[in-house]
Protein backbone atom coordinates (compact mmCIF):
# COMPACT_ATOMS: atom_id res chain seq x y z
CA MET A 1 -0.04 -0.26 0.06
CA GLY A 2 1.35 3.58 -1.06
CA ASN A 3 1.83 6.26 1.85
CA SER A 4 -1.12 8.26 0.71
CA PHE A 5 -4.82 7.65 -0.73
CA ARG A 6 -3.52 9.95 -3.39
CA ASP A 7 -1.54 7.17 -4.96
CA LEU A 8 -4.79 5.23 -5.60
CA ILE A 9 -5.04 4.84 -9.23
CA VAL A 10 -8.88 4.41 -8.35
CA TRP A 11 -8.96 7.93 -5.74
CA GLN A 12 -7.06 9.19 -9.02
CA ARG A 13 -9.97 8.18 -11.29
CA ALA A 14 -12.58 9.06 -8.88
CA VAL A 15 -11.01 12.88 -8.77
CA GLN A 16 -10.73 12.91 -12.78
CA LEU A 17 -14.82 11.68 -13.13
CA SER A 18 -15.44 14.43 -10.65
CA VAL A 19 -14.19 17.05 -12.93
CA ALA A 20 -15.65 15.39 -15.46
CA ILE A 21 -19.05 15.76 -13.93
CA TYR A 22 -18.62 19.32 -12.86
CA ARG A 23 -17.38 19.88 -16.58
CA LEU A 24 -20.43 18.17 -18.48
CA THR A 25 -22.98 19.46 -15.79
CA ALA A 26 -22.04 23.44 -16.54
CA ASP A 27 -24.14 23.31 -19.41
CA PHE A 28 -26.91 21.71 -17.69
CA PRO A 29 -30.38 24.34 -17.52
CA ARG A 30 -30.34 26.76 -14.95
CA GLU A 31 -33.41 25.17 -13.36
CA GLU A 32 -31.39 22.56 -13.00
CA ILE A 33 -28.79 23.47 -10.38
CA TYR A 34 -30.59 22.26 -7.69
CA GLY A 35 -31.59 18.97 -9.30
CA LEU A 36 -29.84 16.86 -11.34
CA THR A 37 -27.00 19.17 -11.37
CA SER A 38 -26.53 19.20 -7.98
CA GLN A 39 -27.60 15.41 -7.27
CA LEU A 40 -24.35 14.56 -9.99
CA ARG A 41 -21.77 17.45 -8.56
CA ARG A 42 -22.50 15.49 -4.91
CA ALA A 43 -22.58 11.66 -5.96
CA GLY A 44 -19.14 12.51 -8.30
CA VAL A 45 -17.03 14.34 -4.76
CA SER A 46 -18.67 11.76 -2.88
CA ILE A 47 -16.92 8.63 -4.61
CA ALA A 48 -13.24 10.16 -4.18
CA SER A 49 -14.15 11.59 -0.73
CA ASN A 50 -14.93 7.94 0.41
CA ILE A 51 -12.05 6.36 -1.02
CA ALA A 52 -9.99 8.66 0.86
CA GLU A 53 -12.20 8.80 4.09
CA GLY A 54 -11.88 4.64 4.14
CA TYR A 55 -8.29 4.41 3.41
CA GLY A 56 -7.46 6.53 6.16
CA ARG A 57 -9.45 4.17 8.33
CA ALA A 58 -7.79 1.69 11.30
CA SER A 59 -9.44 -1.23 9.99
CA THR A 60 -10.42 -3.21 6.49
CA GLY A 61 -13.41 -3.45 7.54
CA GLU A 62 -14.12 -0.04 7.68
CA TYR A 63 -12.20 0.68 4.76
CA ARG A 64 -14.30 -1.82 2.52
CA GLN A 65 -17.38 -0.13 4.33
CA PHE A 66 -16.12 3.20 2.71
CA LEU A 67 -15.21 1.63 -0.61
CA GLY A 68 -19.14 0.05 -0.80
CA MET A 69 -20.54 3.87 0.07
CA ALA A 70 -18.25 5.00 -2.96
CA ARG A 71 -19.48 1.84 -5.44
CA GLY A 72 -23.18 3.04 -4.07
CA SER A 73 -22.21 6.83 -4.78
CA ASN A 74 -21.01 5.41 -8.47
CA LEU A 75 -23.75 3.84 -8.92
CA GLU A 76 -26.45 6.69 -7.73
CA LEU A 77 -24.12 8.78 -10.58
CA GLN A 78 -25.01 6.28 -13.30
CA THR A 79 -28.61 6.74 -12.98
CA GLN A 80 -28.23 10.25 -12.88
CA LEU A 81 -26.31 10.33 -16.06
CA THR A 82 -28.33 8.01 -17.73
CA ILE A 83 -31.76 10.45 -16.75
CA ALA A 84 -29.66 13.30 -17.57
CA ALA A 85 -29.08 11.91 -21.27
CA GLU A 86 -32.76 10.90 -21.59
CA LEU A 87 -33.44 14.59 -21.28
CA GLY A 88 -30.84 15.95 -23.85
CA PHE A 89 -28.85 17.23 -21.12
CA GLY A 90 -25.06 18.17 -21.96
CA ALA A 91 -22.64 17.32 -24.58
CA ALA A 92 -23.45 13.61 -25.67
CA GLU A 93 -19.37 13.42 -25.74
CA GLN A 94 -18.53 14.79 -22.19
CA CYS A 95 -21.17 12.45 -20.76
CA GLN A 96 -19.68 9.60 -22.97
CA VAL A 97 -16.18 10.74 -20.97
CA ALA A 98 -17.98 11.05 -17.49
CA GLU A 99 -19.59 7.25 -18.16
CA GLN A 100 -16.04 5.71 -19.39
CA PHE A 101 -14.43 7.25 -15.72
CA SER A 102 -17.67 5.97 -13.73
CA HIS A 103 -17.57 2.22 -15.27
CA GLU A 104 -13.71 2.53 -14.76
CA VAL A 105 -14.01 3.18 -11.34
CA GLY A 106 -16.79 0.91 -10.99
CA ARG A 107 -14.65 -1.94 -11.89
CA MET A 108 -11.85 -1.17 -9.47
CA LEU A 109 -13.82 -0.27 -6.42
CA VAL A 110 -14.92 -4.10 -6.97
CA ALA A 111 -11.84 -5.24 -7.36
CA MET A 112 -10.52 -3.70 -3.98
CA MET A 113 -13.32 -4.95 -1.89
CA ASN A 114 -12.93 -8.43 -3.45
CA LYS A 115 -9.30 -8.02 -2.32
CA LEU A 116 -9.66 -6.62 1.03
CA SER A 117 -12.13 -9.35 1.59
CA SER A 118 -9.90 -12.24 1.05
């Protein structure tokens, strides 16, 4: 294990995902600022935050629990991205970038959780 959560590739990808979400939602309709824009941004930030917080926990069980919360936020984000796309919000290309990061982060979180279980 590295010296910092910043060394985790999953955390780095989650930060990239969060930045992609902010860029995507910048073009959402103004009336969505308290709706999908806010929900997507909160879920995006939550993923990287939970990875970092879990990393700082004393036990493997706690770490795994925070990775599980990050995974839940990621699935929430994927649902919200689908809804945004269906509504025609944001540039399709930016949405695709966010979805790719989200799926990559999702795979990494499952792999980490399985590794911590064994």
